[in-house]
Amino acid sequence: MKIVGVAACITGVAHTYMAQEAIEQECKKRGIDCKVETQGGMGIENELEEEEVNAADAVILAVAIGIEGEDRFEEKEEEGRVLTMNPSEVIRNPEAAVDRVLALVG
């Protein structure tokens, strides 16, 4: 199982990185391969490559703003494999976020 994601909050600081860490830690606990790109005050970090997005089983968008490169996820969206949540929800309950994205995969 491989999950990729993007985290981005309004100010691009705390919640962006907290959401990234919450997703990555929850996936690590479950043995799920995971990479989360951040789009924040420092620009784009840990940028997802096209191959990584294509190889992913599902996508978590922990975003409270529009993000750059959202079109990268169109194919996954058409397959019903994209979960979009507010970063604060992901931070409060990363278990539920990962449960929900896994449910998309079946």
C-alpha atoms as a PDB file:
ATOM      1  CA  MET A   1       0.000   0.000   0.000  1.00  0.00           C
ATOM      2  CA  LYS A   2       1.293   3.439  -0.932  1.00  0.00           C
ATOM      3  CA  ILE A   3      -0.281   6.755  -0.003  1.00  0.00           C
ATOM      4  CA  VAL A   4       0.838  10.183  -1.149  1.00  0.00           C
ATOM      5  CA  GLY A   5      -0.481  13.513  -0.016  1.00  0.00           C
ATOM      6  CA  VAL A   6      -0.207  17.252   0.164  1.00  0.00           C
ATOM      7  CA  ALA A   7      -0.510  19.350   3.307  1.00  0.00           C
ATOM      8  CA  ALA A   8      -1.203  23.085   3.099  1.00  0.00           C
ATOM      9  CA  CYS A   9      -2.819  25.483   5.561  1.00  0.00           C
ATOM     10  CA  ILE A  10      -3.786  29.122   5.251  1.00  0.00           C
ATOM     11  CA  THR A  11      -0.635  30.548   6.819  1.00  0.00           C
ATOM     12  CA  GLY A  12       1.594  27.745   5.515  1.00  0.00           C
ATOM     13  CA  VAL A  13       3.372  27.171   8.770  1.00  0.00           C
ATOM     14  CA  ALA A  14       2.347  25.089  11.779  1.00  0.00           C
ATOM     15  CA  HIS A  15      -0.689  23.141  10.590  1.00  0.00           C
ATOM     16  CA  THR A  16       0.954  22.285   7.266  1.00  0.00           C
ATOM     17  CA  TYR A  17       3.841  20.486   8.935  1.00  0.00           C
ATOM     18  CA  MET A  18       1.742  19.065  11.770  1.00  0.00           C
ATOM     19  CA  ALA A  19      -0.624  17.482   9.233  1.00  0.00           C
ATOM     20  CA  GLN A  20       2.314  16.075   7.268  1.00  0.00           C
ATOM     21  CA  GLU A  21       3.788  14.545  10.414  1.00  0.00           C
ATOM     22  CA  ALA A  22       0.438  13.149  11.584  1.00  0.00           C
ATOM     23  CA  ILE A  23      -0.172  11.375   8.265  1.00  0.00           C
ATOM     24  CA  GLU A  24       3.369  10.040   8.021  1.00  0.00           C
ATOM     25  CA  GLN A  25       3.402   8.785  11.620  1.00  0.00           C
ATOM     26  CA  GLU A  26       0.042   7.032  11.302  1.00  0.00           C
ATOM     27  CA  CYS A  27       1.102   5.376   8.050  1.00  0.00           C
ATOM     28  CA  LYS A  28       4.406   4.295   9.594  1.00  0.00           C
ATOM     29  CA  LYS A  29       2.541   2.654  12.504  1.00  0.00           C
ATOM     30  CA  ARG A  30       0.517   0.665   9.972  1.00  0.00           C
ATOM     31  CA  GLY A  31       3.403  -0.231   7.676  1.00  0.00           C
ATOM     32  CA  ILE A  32       2.054   1.894   4.825  1.00  0.00           C
ATOM     33  CA  ASP A  33       4.494   3.524   2.415  1.00  0.00           C
ATOM     34  CA  CYS A  34       3.778   7.252   2.517  1.00  0.00           C
ATOM     35  CA  LYS A  35       5.112  10.574   1.242  1.00  0.00           C
ATOM     36  CA  VAL A  36       3.538  13.953   1.966  1.00  0.00           C
ATOM     37  CA  GLU A  37       4.445  17.118   0.093  1.00  0.00           C
ATOM     38  CA  THR A  38       4.105  20.414   1.948  1.00  0.00           C
ATOM     39  CA  GLN A  39       3.107  23.705   0.397  1.00  0.00           C
ATOM     40  CA  GLY A  40       3.684  26.464   2.876  1.00  0.00           C
ATOM     41  CA  GLY A  41       5.631  29.504   3.859  1.00  0.00           C
ATOM     42  CA  MET A  42       8.845  27.861   2.646  1.00  0.00           C
ATOM     43  CA  GLY A  43       7.363  27.043  -0.760  1.00  0.00           C
ATOM     44  CA  ILE A  44       6.957  23.447  -1.927  1.00  0.00           C
ATOM     45  CA  GLU A  45       8.977  20.926   0.051  1.00  0.00           C
ATOM     46  CA  ASN A  46       9.249  17.147  -0.291  1.00  0.00           C
ATOM     47  CA  GLU A  47       7.721  17.562  -3.759  1.00  0.00           C
ATOM     48  CA  LEU A  48       5.927  14.533  -5.166  1.00  0.00           C
ATOM     49  CA  GLU A  49       7.258  13.215  -8.450  1.00  0.00           C
ATOM     50  CA  GLU A  50       4.824  12.164 -11.182  1.00  0.00           C
ATOM     51  CA  GLU A  51       5.941   8.537 -10.804  1.00  0.00           C
ATOM     52  CA  GLU A  52       5.156   8.615  -7.072  1.00  0.00           C
ATOM     53  CA  VAL A  53       1.650   9.942  -7.699  1.00  0.00           C
ATOM     54  CA  ASN A  54       1.037   7.360 -10.424  1.00  0.00           C
ATOM     55  CA  ALA A  55       2.243   4.507  -8.186  1.00  0.00           C
ATOM     56  CA  ALA A  56       0.109   5.581  -5.218  1.00  0.00           C
ATOM     57  CA  ASP A  57      -2.978   3.618  -4.227  1.00  0.00           C
ATOM     58  CA  ALA A  58      -4.602   6.734  -2.771  1.00  0.00           C
ATOM     59  CA  VAL A  59      -4.100  10.436  -2.054  1.00  0.00           C
ATOM     60  CA  ILE A  60      -4.752  12.513   1.069  1.00  0.00           C
ATOM     61  CA  LEU A  61      -5.101  16.242   0.505  1.00  0.00           C
ATOM     62  CA  ALA A  62      -4.876  17.872   3.933  1.00  0.00           C
ATOM     63  CA  VAL A  63      -5.510  21.344   2.588  1.00  0.00           C
ATOM     64  CA  ALA A  64      -7.287  24.517   3.642  1.00  0.00           C
ATOM     65  CA  ILE A  65      -6.257  26.503   0.557  1.00  0.00           C
ATOM     66  CA  GLY A  66      -5.830  25.930  -3.165  1.00  0.00           C
ATOM     67  CA  ILE A  67      -2.617  24.099  -3.955  1.00  0.00           C
ATOM     68  CA  GLU A  68      -0.167  24.154  -6.820  1.00  0.00           C
ATOM     69  CA  GLY A  69      -0.235  21.149  -9.117  1.00  0.00           C
ATOM     70  CA  GLU A  70      -3.640  19.851  -8.076  1.00  0.00           C
ATOM     71  CA  ASP A  71      -4.118  18.560 -11.627  1.00  0.00           C
ATOM     72  CA  ARG A  72      -1.532  15.837 -10.829  1.00  0.00           C
ATOM     73  CA  PHE A  73      -4.261  14.038  -8.904  1.00  0.00           C
ATOM     74  CA  GLU A  74      -7.028  14.158 -11.542  1.00  0.00           C
ATOM     75  CA  GLU A  75      -6.689  10.495 -12.495  1.00  0.00           C
ATOM     76  CA  LYS A  76      -6.831   9.388  -8.850  1.00  0.00           C
ATOM     77  CA  GLU A  77      -9.824  11.697  -8.338  1.00  0.00           C
ATOM     78  CA  GLU A  78     -11.636  10.062 -11.254  1.00  0.00           C
ATOM     79  CA  GLU A  79     -10.930   6.671  -9.658  1.00  0.00           C
ATOM     80  CA  GLY A  80     -12.421   7.905  -6.366  1.00  0.00           C
ATOM     81  CA  ARG A  81      -9.092   7.576  -4.567  1.00  0.00           C
ATOM     82  CA  VAL A  82      -8.606  11.122  -3.260  1.00  0.00           C
ATOM     83  CA  LEU A  83      -9.567  12.158   0.259  1.00  0.00           C
ATOM     84  CA  THR A  84      -9.665  15.895   0.941  1.00  0.00           C
ATOM     85  CA  MET A  85      -9.722  17.041   4.568  1.00  0.00           C
ATOM     86  CA  ASN A  86      -8.913  20.152   6.545  1.00  0.00           C
ATOM     87  CA  PRO A  87      -5.402  19.933   8.050  1.00  0.00           C
ATOM     88  CA  SER A  88      -6.782  20.481  11.567  1.00  0.00           C
ATOM     89  CA  GLU A  89      -9.032  17.407  11.189  1.00  0.00           C
ATOM     90  CA  VAL A  90      -6.045  15.310  10.141  1.00  0.00           C
ATOM     91  CA  ILE A  91      -3.995  16.578  13.082  1.00  0.00           C
ATOM     92  CA  ARG A  92      -6.794  15.835  15.590  1.00  0.00           C
ATOM     93  CA  ASN A  93      -7.511  12.353  14.273  1.00  0.00           C
ATOM     94  CA  PRO A  94      -4.914  10.911  11.898  1.00  0.00           C
ATOM     95  CA  GLU A  95      -6.258   7.398  12.504  1.00  0.00           C
ATOM     96  CA  ALA A  96      -9.641   8.345  11.034  1.00  0.00           C
ATOM     97  CA  ALA A  97      -8.002  10.099   8.075  1.00  0.00           C
ATOM     98  CA  VAL A  98      -5.965   7.020   7.180  1.00  0.00           C
ATOM     99  CA  ASP A  99      -8.982   4.749   7.776  1.00  0.00           C
ATOM    100  CA  ARG A 100     -11.031   6.897   5.380  1.00  0.00           C
ATOM    101  CA  VAL A 101      -8.391   6.908   2.654  1.00  0.00           C
ATOM    102  CA  LEU A 102      -7.924   3.135   2.958  1.00  0.00           C
ATOM    103  CA  ALA A 103     -11.683   2.684   2.576  1.00  0.00           C
ATOM    104  CA  LEU A 104     -11.420   4.415  -0.811  1.00  0.00           C
ATOM    105  CA  VAL A 105      -9.046   1.713  -2.003  1.00  0.00           C
ATOM    106  CA  GLY A 106     -11.298  -1.092  -0.831  1.00  0.00           C
END
